[in-house]
Amino acid sequence: MRVSVSRSGGVAGITRSAAVEFAMRGDRSPSDNDWAALYRAARTQTGELAGDGGPGLARDAFQWTVRLGRQRVEVPDRGLTGPLRELAERVLAEGA
């Protein structure tokens, strides 16, 4: 599975992007298991965001774009919470 994240905006208007790939089935490393569990929790949360659009954009706030496989979610910073935020921040920190 491939998860990619792009965070743009903020005071400087800089965009940061990263992606990770991990196995969802078959031979998996302990790291793959962690990523897969976080991915599943985040996917559950994206259903709650569908059609909502989340809170409106705030000045100088980040805008996040998270791709979970084929699904794409765009959410303002204050709307990115729970497992989806954890996944997005981890991808930016550990991804390439």
PDB file of N, CA and C in Angstrom:
ATOM      1  N   MET A   1       0.847  -1.168   0.000  1.00  0.00           N
ATOM      2  CA  MET A   1       0.000   0.000   0.000  1.00  0.00           C
ATOM      3  C   MET A   1       0.894   1.233   0.000  1.00  0.00           C
ATOM      4  N   ARG A   2       0.465   2.234  -0.742  1.00  0.00           N
ATOM      5  CA  ARG A   2       1.202   3.495  -0.782  1.00  0.00           C
ATOM      6  C   ARG A   2       0.340   4.587  -0.151  1.00  0.00           C
ATOM      7  N   VAL A   3       0.950   5.338   0.765  1.00  0.00           N
ATOM      8  CA  VAL A   3       0.306   6.490   1.383  1.00  0.00           C
ATOM      9  C   VAL A   3       1.211   7.687   1.130  1.00  0.00           C
ATOM     10  N   SER A   4       0.633   8.742   0.570  1.00  0.00           N
ATOM     11  CA  SER A   4       1.409   9.962   0.351  1.00  0.00           C
ATOM     12  C   SER A   4       0.711  11.135   1.015  1.00  0.00           C
ATOM     13  N   VAL A   5       1.512  12.088   1.447  1.00  0.00           N
ATOM     14  CA  VAL A   5       1.006  13.259   2.169  1.00  0.00           C
ATOM     15  C   VAL A   5       1.670  14.495   1.612  1.00  0.00           C
ATOM     16  N   SER A   6       0.869  15.534   1.465  1.00  0.00           N
ATOM     17  CA  SER A   6       1.379  16.842   1.083  1.00  0.00           C
ATOM     18  C   SER A   6       0.769  17.862   2.038  1.00  0.00           C
ATOM     19  N   ARG A   7       1.620  18.679   2.641  1.00  0.00           N
ATOM     20  CA  ARG A   7       1.160  19.733   3.549  1.00  0.00           C
ATOM     21  C   ARG A   7       1.624  21.059   2.975  1.00  0.00           C
ATOM     22  N   SER A   8       0.690  21.948   2.712  1.00  0.00           N
ATOM     23  CA  SER A   8       1.049  23.244   2.138  1.00  0.00           C
ATOM     24  C   SER A   8       0.461  24.363   2.979  1.00  0.00           C
ATOM     25  N   GLY A   9       0.977  25.558   2.728  1.00  0.00           N
ATOM     26  CA  GLY A   9       0.458  26.730   3.438  1.00  0.00           C
ATOM     27  C   GLY A   9       1.360  27.137   4.573  1.00  0.00           C
ATOM     28  N   GLY A  10       0.740  27.592   5.632  1.00  0.00           N
ATOM     29  CA  GLY A  10       1.492  28.123   6.754  1.00  0.00           C
ATOM     30  C   GLY A  10       1.979  29.525   6.427  1.00  0.00           C
ATOM     31  N   VAL A  11       2.645  30.150   7.336  1.00  0.00           N
ATOM     32  CA  VAL A  11       3.122  31.519   7.162  1.00  0.00           C
ATOM     33  C   VAL A  11       4.052  31.629   5.959  1.00  0.00           C
ATOM     34  N   ALA A  12       4.947  30.657   5.788  1.00  0.00           N
ATOM     35  CA  ALA A  12       5.928  30.703   4.698  1.00  0.00           C
ATOM     36  C   ALA A  12       5.368  30.177   3.377  1.00  0.00           C
ATOM     37  N   GLY A  13       4.246  29.480   3.413  1.00  0.00           N
ATOM     38  CA  GLY A  13       3.654  28.948   2.193  1.00  0.00           C
ATOM     39  C   GLY A  13       4.446  27.817   1.557  1.00  0.00           C
ATOM     40  N   ILE A  14       5.207  27.101   2.358  1.00  0.00           N
ATOM     41  CA  ILE A  14       6.052  26.015   1.855  1.00  0.00           C
ATOM     42  C   ILE A  14       5.255  24.713   1.812  1.00  0.00           C
ATOM     43  N   THR A  15       5.514  23.913   0.782  1.00  0.00           N
ATOM     44  CA  THR A  15       4.879  22.602   0.659  1.00  0.00           C
ATOM     45  C   THR A  15       5.883  21.512   1.006  1.00  0.00           C
ATOM     46  N   ARG A  16       5.474  20.594   1.861  1.00  0.00           N
ATOM     47  CA  ARG A  16       6.275  19.409   2.191  1.00  0.00           C
ATOM     48  C   ARG A  16       5.501  18.191   1.739  1.00  0.00           C
ATOM     49  N   SER A  17       6.184  17.265   1.130  1.00  0.00           N
ATOM     50  CA  SER A  17       5.552  16.037   0.660  1.00  0.00           C
ATOM     51  C   SER A  17       6.429  14.835   0.994  1.00  0.00           C
ATOM     52  N   ALA A  18       5.767  13.709   1.242  1.00  0.00           N
ATOM     53  CA  ALA A  18       6.481  12.456   1.487  1.00  0.00           C
ATOM     54  C   ALA A  18       5.516  11.309   1.235  1.00  0.00           C
ATOM     55  N   ALA A  19       6.079  10.116   1.096  1.00  0.00           N
ATOM     56  CA  ALA A  19       5.266   8.923   0.876  1.00  0.00           C
ATOM     57  C   ALA A  19       5.936   7.726   1.525  1.00  0.00           C
ATOM     58  N   VAL A  20       5.122   6.747   1.862  1.00  0.00           N
ATOM     59  CA  VAL A  20       5.621   5.467   2.374  1.00  0.00           C
ATOM     60  C   VAL A  20       4.888   4.344   1.643  1.00  0.00           C
ATOM     61  N   GLU A  21       5.538   3.205   1.570  1.00  0.00           N
ATOM     62  CA  GLU A  21       4.914   2.002   1.025  1.00  0.00           C
ATOM     63  C   GLU A  21       5.130   0.880   2.025  1.00  0.00           C
ATOM     64  N   PHE A  22       4.095   0.079   2.191  1.00  0.00           N
ATOM     65  CA  PHE A  22       4.167  -1.031   3.134  1.00  0.00           C
ATOM     66  C   PHE A  22       3.233  -2.145   2.676  1.00  0.00           C
ATOM     67  N   ALA A  23       3.482  -3.337   3.194  1.00  0.00           N
ATOM     68  CA  ALA A  23       2.672  -4.499   2.836  1.00  0.00           C
ATOM     69  C   ALA A  23       1.444  -4.569   3.735  1.00  0.00           C
ATOM     70  N   MET A  24       0.291  -4.823   3.115  1.00  0.00           N
ATOM     71  CA  MET A  24      -0.948  -4.999   3.872  1.00  0.00           C
ATOM     72  C   MET A  24      -1.221  -6.479   4.139  1.00  0.00           C
ATOM     73  N   ARG A  25      -0.658  -7.350   3.282  1.00  0.00           N
ATOM     74  CA  ARG A  25      -0.893  -8.792   3.393  1.00  0.00           C
ATOM     75  C   ARG A  25       0.420  -9.540   3.183  1.00  0.00           C
ATOM     76  N   GLY A  26       0.343 -10.835   3.434  1.00  0.00           N
ATOM     77  CA  GLY A  26       1.508 -11.675   3.161  1.00  0.00           C
ATOM     78  C   GLY A  26       2.624 -11.444   4.160  1.00  0.00           C
ATOM     79  N   ASP A  27       3.851 -11.602   3.674  1.00  0.00           N
ATOM     80  CA  ASP A  27       5.030 -11.410   4.524  1.00  0.00           C
ATOM     81  C   ASP A  27       5.170  -9.941   4.864  1.00  0.00           C
ATOM     82  N   ARG A  28       5.024  -9.644   6.148  1.00  0.00           N
ATOM     83  CA  ARG A  28       5.127  -8.251   6.591  1.00  0.00           C
ATOM     84  C   ARG A  28       6.138  -8.136   7.712  1.00  0.00           C
ATOM     85  N   SER A  29       6.818  -7.022   7.715  1.00  0.00           N
ATOM     86  CA  SER A  29       7.739  -6.730   8.807  1.00  0.00           C
ATOM     87  C   SER A  29       6.930  -6.131   9.964  1.00  0.00           C
ATOM     88  N   PRO A  30       7.517  -6.056  11.165  1.00  0.00           N
ATOM     89  CA  PRO A  30       6.824  -5.392  12.269  1.00  0.00           C
ATOM     90  C   PRO A  30       6.452  -3.944  11.915  1.00  0.00           C
ATOM     91  N   SER A  31       7.308  -3.286  11.174  1.00  0.00           N
ATOM     92  CA  SER A  31       7.016  -1.920  10.740  1.00  0.00           C
ATOM     93  C   SER A  31       5.792  -1.889   9.825  1.00  0.00           C
ATOM     94  N   ASP A  32       5.703  -2.869   8.904  1.00  0.00           N
ATOM     95  CA  ASP A  32       4.532  -2.955   8.028  1.00  0.00           C
ATOM     96  C   ASP A  32       3.256  -3.126   8.848  1.00  0.00           C
ATOM     97  N   ASN A  33       3.321  -3.937   9.893  1.00  0.00           N
ATOM     98  CA  ASN A  33       2.151  -4.142  10.753  1.00  0.00           C
ATOM     99  C   ASN A  33       1.706  -2.835  11.398  1.00  0.00           C
ATOM    100  N   ASP A  34       2.657  -2.043  11.874  1.00  0.00           N
ATOM    101  CA  ASP A  34       2.326  -0.743  12.480  1.00  0.00           C
ATOM    102  C   ASP A  34       1.681   0.186  11.469  1.00  0.00           C
ATOM    103  N   TRP A  35       2.287   0.284  10.273  1.00  0.00           N
ATOM    104  CA  TRP A  35       1.737   1.141   9.223  1.00  0.00           C
ATOM    105  C   TRP A  35       0.339   0.676   8.820  1.00  0.00           C
ATOM    106  N   ALA A  36       0.147  -0.641   8.674  1.00  0.00           N
ATOM    107  CA  ALA A  36      -1.146  -1.179   8.253  1.00  0.00           C
ATOM    108  C   ALA A  36      -2.240  -0.872   9.279  1.00  0.00           C
ATOM    109  N   ALA A  37      -1.921  -0.998  10.555  1.00  0.00           N
ATOM    110  CA  ALA A  37      -2.902  -0.702  11.606  1.00  0.00           C
ATOM    111  C   ALA A  37      -3.277   0.780  11.590  1.00  0.00           C
ATOM    112  N   LEU A  38      -2.297   1.637  11.449  1.00  0.00           N
ATOM    113  CA  LEU A  38      -2.558   3.076  11.403  1.00  0.00           C
ATOM    114  C   LEU A  38      -3.353   3.433  10.148  1.00  0.00           C
ATOM    115  N   TYR A  39      -3.020   2.817   9.033  1.00  0.00           N
ATOM    116  CA  TYR A  39      -3.746   3.030   7.781  1.00  0.00           C
ATOM    117  C   TYR A  39      -5.222   2.659   7.944  1.00  0.00           C
ATOM    118  N   ARG A  40      -5.495   1.493   8.532  1.00  0.00           N
ATOM    119  CA  ARG A  40      -6.883   1.053   8.714  1.00  0.00           C
ATOM    120  C   ARG A  40      -7.666   2.025   9.593  1.00  0.00           C
ATOM    121  N   ALA A  41      -7.050   2.494  10.667  1.00  0.00           N
ATOM    122  CA  ALA A  41      -7.717   3.456  11.546  1.00  0.00           C
ATOM    123  C   ALA A  41      -7.994   4.766  10.808  1.00  0.00           C
ATOM    124  N   ALA A  42      -7.028   5.218  10.010  1.00  0.00           N
ATOM    125  CA  ALA A  42      -7.195   6.460   9.255  1.00  0.00           C
ATOM    126  C   ALA A  42      -8.273   6.308   8.193  1.00  0.00           C
ATOM    127  N   ARG A  43      -8.323   5.157   7.514  1.00  0.00           N
ATOM    128  CA  ARG A  43      -9.355   4.918   6.482  1.00  0.00           C
ATOM    129  C   ARG A  43     -10.749   5.002   7.092  1.00  0.00           C
ATOM    130  N   THR A  44     -10.903   4.454   8.285  1.00  0.00           N
ATOM    131  CA  THR A  44     -12.189   4.523   8.977  1.00  0.00           C
ATOM    132  C   THR A  44     -12.579   5.978   9.211  1.00  0.00           C
ATOM    133  N   GLN A  45     -11.618   6.780   9.591  1.00  0.00           N
ATOM    134  CA  GLN A  45     -11.890   8.190   9.873  1.00  0.00           C
ATOM    135  C   GLN A  45     -12.231   8.966   8.606  1.00  0.00           C
ATOM    136  N   THR A  46     -11.664   8.614   7.465  1.00  0.00           N
ATOM    137  CA  THR A  46     -11.935   9.371   6.237  1.00  0.00           C
ATOM    138  C   THR A  46     -13.397   9.274   5.845  1.00  0.00           C
ATOM    139  N   GLY A  47     -14.063   8.180   6.178  1.00  0.00           N
ATOM    140  CA  GLY A  47     -15.492   8.058   5.907  1.00  0.00           C
ATOM    141  C   GLY A  47     -16.300   9.092   6.670  1.00  0.00           C
ATOM    142  N   GLU A  48     -15.827   9.458   7.849  1.00  0.00           N
ATOM    143  CA  GLU A  48     -16.491  10.479   8.650  1.00  0.00           C
ATOM    144  C   GLU A  48     -16.306  11.867   8.057  1.00  0.00           C
ATOM    145  N   LEU A  49     -15.227  12.063   7.300  1.00  0.00           N
ATOM    146  CA  LEU A  49     -14.949  13.367   6.696  1.00  0.00           C
ATOM    147  C   LEU A  49     -15.676  13.561   5.370  1.00  0.00           C
ATOM    148  N   ALA A  50     -16.091  12.469   4.736  1.00  0.00           N
ATOM    149  CA  ALA A  50     -16.702  12.541   3.409  1.00  0.00           C
ATOM    150  C   ALA A  50     -17.909  13.461   3.418  1.00  0.00           C
ATOM    151  N   GLY A  51     -17.905  14.410   2.480  1.00  0.00           N
ATOM    152  CA  GLY A  51     -19.023  15.329   2.336  1.00  0.00           C
ATOM    153  C   GLY A  51     -19.033  16.445   3.353  1.00  0.00           C
ATOM    154  N   ASP A  52     -18.253  16.319   4.411  1.00  0.00           N
ATOM    155  CA  ASP A  52     -18.237  17.319   5.465  1.00  0.00           C
ATOM    156  C   ASP A  52     -17.383  18.507   5.070  1.00  0.00           C
ATOM    157  N   GLY A  53     -16.237  18.233   4.458  1.00  0.00           N
ATOM    158  CA  GLY A  53     -15.336  19.306   4.087  1.00  0.00           C
ATOM    159  C   GLY A  53     -14.547  19.837   5.251  1.00  0.00           C
ATOM    160  N   GLY A  54     -14.931  19.450   6.465  1.00  0.00           N
ATOM    161  CA  GLY A  54     -14.211  19.884   7.647  1.00  0.00           C
ATOM    162  C   GLY A  54     -14.370  21.374   7.884  1.00  0.00           C
ATOM    163  N   PRO A  55     -13.727  21.882   8.914  1.00  0.00           N
ATOM    164  CA  PRO A  55     -13.787  23.307   9.198  1.00  0.00           C
ATOM    165  C   PRO A  55     -13.181  24.116   8.065  1.00  0.00           C
ATOM    166  N   GLY A  56     -13.598  25.344   7.921  1.00  0.00           N
ATOM    167  CA  GLY A  56     -13.102  26.205   6.849  1.00  0.00           C
ATOM    168  C   GLY A  56     -11.633  26.547   6.992  1.00  0.00           C
ATOM    169  N   LEU A  57     -11.077  27.074   5.921  1.00  0.00           N
ATOM    170  CA  LEU A  57      -9.670  27.452   5.919  1.00  0.00           C
ATOM    171  C   LEU A  57      -9.437  28.666   6.816  1.00  0.00           C
ATOM    172  N   ALA A  58      -8.352  28.644   7.531  1.00  0.00           N
ATOM    173  CA  ALA A  58      -7.942  29.763   8.368  1.00  0.00           C
ATOM    174  C   ALA A  58      -6.701  30.384   7.748  1.00  0.00           C
ATOM    175  N   ARG A  59      -6.535  31.664   7.961  1.00  0.00           N
ATOM    176  CA  ARG A  59      -5.370  32.361   7.431  1.00  0.00           C
ATOM    177  C   ARG A  59      -4.088  31.735   7.966  1.00  0.00           C
ATOM    178  N   ASP A  60      -3.117  31.550   7.082  1.00  0.00           N
ATOM    179  CA  ASP A  60      -1.805  30.997   7.413  1.00  0.00           C
ATOM    180  C   ASP A  60      -1.856  29.570   7.969  1.00  0.00           C
ATOM    181  N   ALA A  61      -2.946  28.884   7.756  1.00  0.00           N
ATOM    182  CA  ALA A  61      -3.061  27.500   8.241  1.00  0.00           C
ATOM    183  C   ALA A  61      -2.577  26.537   7.166  1.00  0.00           C
ATOM    184  N   PHE A  62      -2.209  25.361   7.601  1.00  0.00           N
ATOM    185  CA  PHE A  62      -1.802  24.322   6.659  1.00  0.00           C
ATOM    186  C   PHE A  62      -3.030  23.701   6.008  1.00  0.00           C
ATOM    187  N   GLN A  63      -2.845  23.247   4.790  1.00  0.00           N
ATOM    188  CA  GLN A  63      -3.827  22.447   4.073  1.00  0.00           C
ATOM    189  C   GLN A  63      -3.161  21.102   3.796  1.00  0.00           C
ATOM    190  N   TRP A  64      -3.832  20.026   4.122  1.00  0.00           N
ATOM    191  CA  TRP A  64      -3.271  18.685   3.970  1.00  0.00           C
ATOM    192  C   TRP A  64      -3.964  17.942   2.840  1.00  0.00           C
ATOM    193  N   THR A  65      -3.188  17.218   2.052  1.00  0.00           N
ATOM    194  CA  THR A  65      -3.715  16.283   1.066  1.00  0.00           C
ATOM    195  C   THR A  65      -3.116  14.928   1.390  1.00  0.00           C
ATOM    196  N   VAL A  66      -3.980  13.973   1.686  1.00  0.00           N
ATOM    197  CA  VAL A  66      -3.540  12.631   2.067  1.00  0.00           C
ATOM    198  C   VAL A  66      -4.111  11.658   1.044  1.00  0.00           C
ATOM    199  N   ARG A  67      -3.240  10.868   0.470  1.00  0.00           N
ATOM    200  CA  ARG A  67      -3.668   9.817  -0.471  1.00  0.00           C
ATOM    201  C   ARG A  67      -3.449   8.465   0.192  1.00  0.00           C
ATOM    202  N   LEU A  68      -4.559   7.753   0.340  1.00  0.00           N
ATOM    203  CA  LEU A  68      -4.551   6.422   0.938  1.00  0.00           C
ATOM    204  C   LEU A  68      -4.880   5.443  -0.178  1.00  0.00           C
ATOM    205  N   GLY A  69      -3.848   4.953  -0.843  1.00  0.00           N
ATOM    206  CA  GLY A  69      -4.095   4.133  -2.026  1.00  0.00           C
ATOM    207  C   GLY A  69      -4.704   5.009  -3.113  1.00  0.00           C
ATOM    208  N   ARG A  70      -5.913   4.685  -3.540  1.00  0.00           N
ATOM    209  CA  ARG A  70      -6.601   5.476  -4.579  1.00  0.00           C
ATOM    210  C   ARG A  70      -7.431   6.610  -4.008  1.00  0.00           C
ATOM    211  N   GLN A  71      -7.684   6.572  -2.707  1.00  0.00           N
ATOM    212  CA  GLN A  71      -8.520   7.598  -2.079  1.00  0.00           C
ATOM    213  C   GLN A  71      -7.698   8.848  -1.770  1.00  0.00           C
ATOM    214  N   ARG A  72      -8.283   9.996  -2.074  1.00  0.00           N
ATOM    215  CA  ARG A  72      -7.622  11.281  -1.808  1.00  0.00           C
ATOM    216  C   ARG A  72      -8.507  12.100  -0.877  1.00  0.00           C
ATOM    217  N   VAL A  73      -7.891  12.619   0.186  1.00  0.00           N
ATOM    218  CA  VAL A  73      -8.611  13.425   1.164  1.00  0.00           C
ATOM    219  C   VAL A  73      -7.886  14.752   1.302  1.00  0.00           C
ATOM    220  N   GLU A  74      -8.623  15.844   1.170  1.00  0.00           N
ATOM    221  CA  GLU A  74      -8.067  17.174   1.415  1.00  0.00           C
ATOM    222  C   GLU A  74      -8.761  17.743   2.643  1.00  0.00           C
ATOM    223  N   VAL A  75      -7.959  18.218   3.572  1.00  0.00           N
ATOM    224  CA  VAL A  75      -8.528  18.702   4.828  1.00  0.00           C
ATOM    225  C   VAL A  75      -7.670  19.838   5.382  1.00  0.00           C
ATOM    226  N   PRO A  76      -8.309  20.877   5.936  1.00  0.00           N
ATOM    227  CA  PRO A  76      -7.534  21.939   6.580  1.00  0.00           C
ATOM    228  C   PRO A  76      -6.914  21.424   7.875  1.00  0.00           C
ATOM    229  N   ASP A  77      -5.892  22.097   8.335  1.00  0.00           N
ATOM    230  CA  ASP A  77      -5.134  21.655   9.493  1.00  0.00           C
ATOM    231  C   ASP A  77      -6.013  21.377  10.708  1.00  0.00           C
ATOM    232  N   ARG A  78      -6.912  22.261  11.026  1.00  0.00           N
ATOM    233  CA  ARG A  78      -7.710  22.054  12.236  1.00  0.00           C
ATOM    234  C   ARG A  78      -8.740  20.935  12.084  1.00  0.00           C
ATOM    235  N   GLY A  79      -8.965  20.468  10.859  1.00  0.00           N
ATOM    236  CA  GLY A  79      -9.860  19.345  10.632  1.00  0.00           C
ATOM    237  C   GLY A  79      -9.143  18.008  10.613  1.00  0.00           C
ATOM    238  N   LEU A  80      -7.822  18.038  10.655  1.00  0.00           N
ATOM    239  CA  LEU A  80      -7.025  16.803  10.615  1.00  0.00           C
ATOM    240  C   LEU A  80      -6.777  16.360  12.055  1.00  0.00           C
ATOM    241  N   THR A  81      -7.470  15.305  12.465  1.00  0.00           N
ATOM    242  CA  THR A  81      -7.414  14.861  13.857  1.00  0.00           C
ATOM    243  C   THR A  81      -7.238  13.346  13.923  1.00  0.00           C
ATOM    244  N   GLY A  82      -7.046  12.853  15.121  1.00  0.00           N
ATOM    245  CA  GLY A  82      -7.024  11.423  15.384  1.00  0.00           C
ATOM    246  C   GLY A  82      -6.022  10.639  14.558  1.00  0.00           C
ATOM    247  N   PRO A  83      -6.422   9.420  14.151  1.00  0.00           N
ATOM    248  CA  PRO A  83      -5.508   8.546  13.417  1.00  0.00           C
ATOM    249  C   PRO A  83      -5.054   9.130  12.077  1.00  0.00           C
ATOM    250  N   LEU A  84      -5.907   9.915  11.429  1.00  0.00           N
ATOM    251  CA  LEU A  84      -5.517  10.502  10.147  1.00  0.00           C
ATOM    252  C   LEU A  84      -4.384  11.501  10.337  1.00  0.00           C
ATOM    253  N   ARG A  85      -4.443  12.308  11.390  1.00  0.00           N
ATOM    254  CA  ARG A  85      -3.337  13.239  11.694  1.00  0.00           C
ATOM    255  C   ARG A  85      -2.079  12.462  12.051  1.00  0.00           C
ATOM    256  N   GLU A  86      -2.239  11.425  12.877  1.00  0.00           N
ATOM    257  CA  GLU A  86      -1.076  10.628  13.273  1.00  0.00           C
ATOM    258  C   GLU A  86      -0.395  10.022  12.048  1.00  0.00           C
ATOM    259  N   LEU A  87      -1.199   9.476  11.140  1.00  0.00           N
ATOM    260  CA  LEU A  87      -0.652   8.894   9.920  1.00  0.00           C
ATOM    261  C   LEU A  87       0.029   9.962   9.066  1.00  0.00           C
ATOM    262  N   ALA A  88      -0.630  11.088   8.860  1.00  0.00           N
ATOM    263  CA  ALA A  88      -0.074  12.151   8.015  1.00  0.00           C
ATOM    264  C   ALA A  88       1.249  12.673   8.572  1.00  0.00           C
ATOM    265  N   GLU A  89       1.293  12.935   9.857  1.00  0.00           N
ATOM    266  CA  GLU A  89       2.525  13.448  10.454  1.00  0.00           C
ATOM    267  C   GLU A  89       3.637  12.411  10.418  1.00  0.00           C
ATOM    268  N   ARG A  90       3.274  11.145  10.633  1.00  0.00           N
ATOM    269  CA  ARG A  90       4.305  10.093  10.591  1.00  0.00           C
ATOM    270  C   ARG A  90       4.869   9.934   9.174  1.00  0.00           C
ATOM    271  N   VAL A  91       3.994  10.008   8.176  1.00  0.00           N
ATOM    272  CA  VAL A  91       4.481   9.904   6.787  1.00  0.00           C
ATOM    273  C   VAL A  91       5.450  11.042   6.486  1.00  0.00           C
ATOM    274  N   LEU A  92       5.108  12.269   6.904  1.00  0.00           N
ATOM    275  CA  LEU A  92       6.024  13.396   6.643  1.00  0.00           C
ATOM    276  C   LEU A  92       7.348  13.205   7.389  1.00  0.00           C
ATOM    277  N   ALA A  93       7.290  12.647   8.586  1.00  0.00           N
ATOM    278  CA  ALA A  93       8.505  12.482   9.391  1.00  0.00           C
ATOM    279  C   ALA A  93       9.391  11.330   8.897  1.00  0.00           C
ATOM    280  N   GLU A  94       8.755  10.228   8.471  1.00  0.00           N
ATOM    281  CA  GLU A  94       9.532   9.023   8.158  1.00  0.00           C
ATOM    282  C   GLU A  94       9.571   8.670   6.675  1.00  0.00           C
ATOM    283  N   GLY A  95       8.716   9.289   5.887  1.00  0.00           N
ATOM    284  CA  GLY A  95       8.625   8.940   4.472  1.00  0.00           C
ATOM    285  C   GLY A  95       9.722   9.565   3.626  1.00  0.00           C
ATOM    286  N   ALA A  96       9.753   9.138   2.380  1.00  0.00           N
ATOM    287  CA  ALA A  96      10.744   9.660   1.445  1.00  0.00           C
ATOM    288  C   ALA A  96      10.077  10.564   0.435  1.00  0.00           C
TER     289      ALA A  96
END
